Amino acid sequence: MSNENNRDFENLLKSVSNQLGKSPEELTQASQNGDIENLLGNLNPSDAQKIKKILSDKNMSNKILSTPQAQNLIKKLLGEN
């Protein structure tokens, strides 16, 4: 990953960590361990349930991941943009 993409990823991670009330390290560890409960712990129950529903529905997840915005973010994170 290039330095610019690495900075973008770090900024995204910090932003998400602030929104979820978790440290970037906690988010990284939870995502690597597949610990969704830990990642969603500080969200209100309604929002957490919506995210769990999306993640558990393969068709819905694929639909979201196939949007141009998601594709651009994925490419940026992978250093392809």
C-alpha atoms as a PDB file:
ATOM      1  CA  MET A   1       0.000   0.000   0.000  1.00  0.00           C
ATOM      2  CA  SER A   2       1.439   3.407  -0.904  1.00  0.00           C
ATOM      3  CA  ASN A   3       2.063   6.033   1.746  1.00  0.00           C
ATOM      4  CA  GLU A   4      -0.923   8.068   0.522  1.00  0.00           C
ATOM      5  CA  ASN A   5      -3.239   5.063   0.596  1.00  0.00           C
ATOM      6  CA  ASN A   6      -1.875   4.074   3.982  1.00  0.00           C
ATOM      7  CA  ARG A   7      -2.654   7.584   5.284  1.00  0.00           C
ATOM      8  CA  ASP A   8      -6.164   7.383   3.799  1.00  0.00           C
ATOM      9  CA  PHE A   9      -6.699   4.020   5.476  1.00  0.00           C
ATOM     10  CA  GLU A  10      -5.411   5.337   8.806  1.00  0.00           C
ATOM     11  CA  ASN A  11      -7.725   8.360   8.542  1.00  0.00           C
ATOM     12  CA  LEU A  12     -10.680   6.101   7.735  1.00  0.00           C
ATOM     13  CA  LEU A  13      -9.808   3.815  10.641  1.00  0.00           C
ATOM     14  CA  LYS A  14      -9.569   6.800  13.023  1.00  0.00           C
ATOM     15  CA  SER A  15     -12.894   8.161  11.812  1.00  0.00           C
ATOM     16  CA  VAL A  16     -14.651   4.827  12.268  1.00  0.00           C
ATOM     17  CA  SER A  17     -13.017   4.305  15.658  1.00  0.00           C
ATOM     18  CA  ASN A  18     -14.254   7.710  16.824  1.00  0.00           C
ATOM     19  CA  GLN A  19     -17.778   6.927  15.663  1.00  0.00           C
ATOM     20  CA  LEU A  20     -17.811   3.524  17.352  1.00  0.00           C
ATOM     21  CA  GLY A  21     -15.984   4.636  20.493  1.00  0.00           C
ATOM     22  CA  LYS A  22     -13.222   2.071  19.980  1.00  0.00           C
ATOM     23  CA  SER A  23      -9.497   2.533  19.499  1.00  0.00           C
ATOM     24  CA  PRO A  24      -8.061   1.825  16.045  1.00  0.00           C
ATOM     25  CA  GLU A  25      -6.184  -1.104  17.593  1.00  0.00           C
ATOM     26  CA  GLU A  26      -9.399  -2.575  19.004  1.00  0.00           C
ATOM     27  CA  LEU A  27     -11.069  -2.275  15.604  1.00  0.00           C
ATOM     28  CA  THR A  28      -8.149  -3.906  13.834  1.00  0.00           C
ATOM     29  CA  GLN A  29      -8.042  -6.794  16.300  1.00  0.00           C
ATOM     30  CA  ALA A  30     -11.823  -7.300  16.248  1.00  0.00           C
ATOM     31  CA  SER A  31     -11.930  -7.289  12.450  1.00  0.00           C
ATOM     32  CA  GLN A  32      -9.063  -9.770  12.224  1.00  0.00           C
ATOM     33  CA  ASN A  33     -10.793 -12.046  14.738  1.00  0.00           C
ATOM     34  CA  GLY A  34     -14.210 -11.663  13.112  1.00  0.00           C
ATOM     35  CA  ASP A  35     -15.593 -10.263  16.366  1.00  0.00           C
ATOM     36  CA  ILE A  36     -18.564  -8.279  15.031  1.00  0.00           C
ATOM     37  CA  GLU A  37     -20.084  -7.914  18.509  1.00  0.00           C
ATOM     38  CA  ASN A  38     -17.005  -6.040  19.679  1.00  0.00           C
ATOM     39  CA  LEU A  39     -17.061  -3.791  16.613  1.00  0.00           C
ATOM     40  CA  LEU A  40     -20.723  -2.916  17.050  1.00  0.00           C
ATOM     41  CA  GLY A  41     -20.696  -2.730  20.839  1.00  0.00           C
ATOM     42  CA  ASN A  42     -21.125   1.037  21.172  1.00  0.00           C
ATOM     43  CA  LEU A  43     -23.752   1.481  18.471  1.00  0.00           C
ATOM     44  CA  ASN A  44     -27.339   1.853  19.493  1.00  0.00           C
ATOM     45  CA  PRO A  45     -29.092  -1.524  19.356  1.00  0.00           C
ATOM     46  CA  SER A  46     -31.198  -0.581  16.322  1.00  0.00           C
ATOM     47  CA  ASP A  47     -28.177   0.394  14.194  1.00  0.00           C
ATOM     48  CA  ALA A  48     -26.195  -2.650  15.348  1.00  0.00           C
ATOM     49  CA  GLN A  49     -29.095  -4.920  14.377  1.00  0.00           C
ATOM     50  CA  LYS A  50     -29.311  -3.326  10.912  1.00  0.00           C
ATOM     51  CA  ILE A  51     -25.605  -3.875  10.314  1.00  0.00           C
ATOM     52  CA  LYS A  52     -25.791  -7.482  11.525  1.00  0.00           C
ATOM     53  CA  LYS A  53     -28.724  -8.083   9.182  1.00  0.00           C
ATOM     54  CA  ILE A  54     -26.807  -6.671   6.213  1.00  0.00           C
ATOM     55  CA  LEU A  55     -23.687  -8.687   7.051  1.00  0.00           C
ATOM     56  CA  SER A  56     -25.653 -11.912   7.457  1.00  0.00           C
ATOM     57  CA  ASP A  57     -27.539 -11.472   4.155  1.00  0.00           C
ATOM     58  CA  LYS A  58     -25.125 -12.411   1.382  1.00  0.00           C
ATOM     59  CA  ASN A  59     -27.272 -10.838  -1.355  1.00  0.00           C
ATOM     60  CA  MET A  60     -27.594  -7.558   0.529  1.00  0.00           C
ATOM     61  CA  SER A  61     -23.860  -7.504   1.304  1.00  0.00           C
ATOM     62  CA  ASN A  62     -23.006  -8.153  -2.351  1.00  0.00           C
ATOM     63  CA  LYS A  63     -25.418  -5.435  -3.443  1.00  0.00           C
ATOM     64  CA  ILE A  64     -23.739  -2.899  -1.147  1.00  0.00           C
ATOM     65  CA  LEU A  65     -20.223  -4.004  -2.080  1.00  0.00           C
ATOM     66  CA  SER A  66     -21.013  -3.699  -5.783  1.00  0.00           C
ATOM     67  CA  THR A  67     -21.922   0.007  -5.538  1.00  0.00           C
ATOM     68  CA  PRO A  68     -19.480   2.398  -7.208  1.00  0.00           C
ATOM     69  CA  GLN A  69     -18.719   4.038  -3.851  1.00  0.00           C
ATOM     70  CA  ALA A  70     -17.803   0.732  -2.214  1.00  0.00           C
ATOM     71  CA  GLN A  71     -15.748  -0.341  -5.222  1.00  0.00           C
ATOM     72  CA  ASN A  72     -13.812   2.945  -5.169  1.00  0.00           C
ATOM     73  CA  LEU A  73     -13.146   2.613  -1.443  1.00  0.00           C
ATOM     74  CA  ILE A  74     -11.980  -0.987  -1.859  1.00  0.00           C
ATOM     75  CA  LYS A  75      -9.661  -0.008  -4.723  1.00  0.00           C
ATOM     76  CA  LYS A  76      -8.290   2.885  -2.697  1.00  0.00           C
ATOM     77  CA  LEU A  77      -7.672   0.689   0.336  1.00  0.00           C
ATOM     78  CA  LEU A  78      -5.945  -1.917  -1.839  1.00  0.00           C
ATOM     79  CA  GLY A  79      -3.803   0.720  -3.513  1.00  0.00           C
ATOM     80  CA  GLU A  80      -5.319   0.204  -6.951  1.00  0.00           C
ATOM     81  CA  ASN A  81      -6.604   3.754  -7.377  1.00  0.00           C
END
